[in-house]
Amino acid sequence: MYAYRTLRVEIPWRLVEERPDVLDLVTRMRLAAEEYVRRLLKEVTGQEESGLTAEELDRLLTPDRRELAVKIIEEVFPKYDLKKYFVNQGKVFWRDVVFHRAVPLDAQLRIENERDVGRAVFVDLRSEVLKVRRLNETFVVRLRRNDIAWIRERLEEGAKLKLAFLGVERRRGREPTYGKLYIALVFARETAPVEPKAVVAVDVNRLDHGIMVGLLVDGKIVRRMRLLDEGAVRELRRLHEEISRLDERAAREADPARKRRLEDRARHLASKRFRKMRDVVIRIAGEIIKLAREHQAVIVLDTMEDESYRELKEGDGSGVRKHFLDGLGQLRRRLQTLAEWYGLPYLEERLYSTICPRCGAKMEGLSNRRMHCPSCGFSDHRDNVPLIWAKKRYWELLQKQPAFSATILLLTS
């Protein structure tokens, strides 16, 4: 089984200003990929934007649809003046274009003195640079120390550079614009599934409440820990409040220039909020994966029912909660991909916090987040209840077989 991780290398804006042809090409690649995806999905599902999950797309993009995908690529890509190389790459990696709205490029990694074989993306660790070809002129980006360290860590784990994406972020608005170029380096590693000897149960609610994690060995809860960064939570709340104020001012502003400045400032802070949330998720996921690797454990993530998730997001008039709930989606994706990377079994199961683990009755909430069962008298803190459910189902969870996706997920760092 192969697992994938991705390093996103940001391209400094000063380089983009020096080479506007690069931004133009990448934007055309993005537009071509988006049109291709719309047409393919319409053929497959009857809708241009189906809102399908990665797992659902995996099931739909079967090998028998390759001929249809190739035909659409041959019709769409030339409209955006994409040459033969990009057309051929799109045809080879037709499924990946659907998932990532980008055209994959072939890539080579030089560690020491390997011969340069002329791939579109050339990563030279010796010179600490990344070169992008297939342009009018070669585009060179200097690698940061953190990028180099990340690559070397993946190499030590037995990974190899598989391919790359040259991408651009789409800024939504009345008139969508494109900016912030990046190169995503996809590394692949063959992993052998771990035979689990323990269970790491993860109870999720909102990131500002913390993530409750329990280690279970031989059917017993041997460790509990709450993963919460209070400083980051305060900063996320502050950013949300400031963005909300800017949005309100922009909505009332009549002067177009001032309105645009307010909107630009709000977008900048929204990007900062996303990065801060991502950093929180990276730290939390890292602690969970470390615990699971130390004990060769299956990771069991509590799944929130869709209806409950929608109620929580829509029930908060201020909107601040939804961003903490959105962070749970990032956490789920990161945990799943890192689990696959290290061969750890990963399950998503319902671990109830309001259903009594002793008799199955609906429990009542008391003060200080304690739950009480009116039927049998059971009582405990709300955050402990899912761990008790994991304990009750320990042997069942230990023996369940996870289903890993074959899709390359662009997990950054």
Foldseek 3Di string as FASTA:
>chain_A
DKFKEKAKAWFDVVLCVVPVQLVLVQVLQLVLLLVLQQVLCCVQPVGSCPVDDPVVLLVRPDPVCLVVSLVSLVVRSVVSVDDPQQSVQCSVPVSQSNVPSFRKWAEAEADDDDDDPDTQWYQYLVVQWIWGDPTPDIRIDHHDPVRSVVVVVVVVVVKGFGIKTWHWDWDDDPDIDTHTIIMMTMIMHDEDAFQAQWEWEWEDDFQQVFIWIFIGGPLHTPDIDTQHDNVLLVVLVVLLVLLVVLVVVLVVDPDPVVSVVSVVVSVVSVVVSVVSLLVSLVVVLVVSVVVCVVRVHAYEYADDDPVVLVCVQVVDPSNSRVVRVVSVVVNVVVNLSVCVNHNHHYHYHHQDLQAALVPRHGWDADPPQKTARPPPGDIDHSSCRSVVNCSVCVVVVSPDGHDHRPHHDHHHD
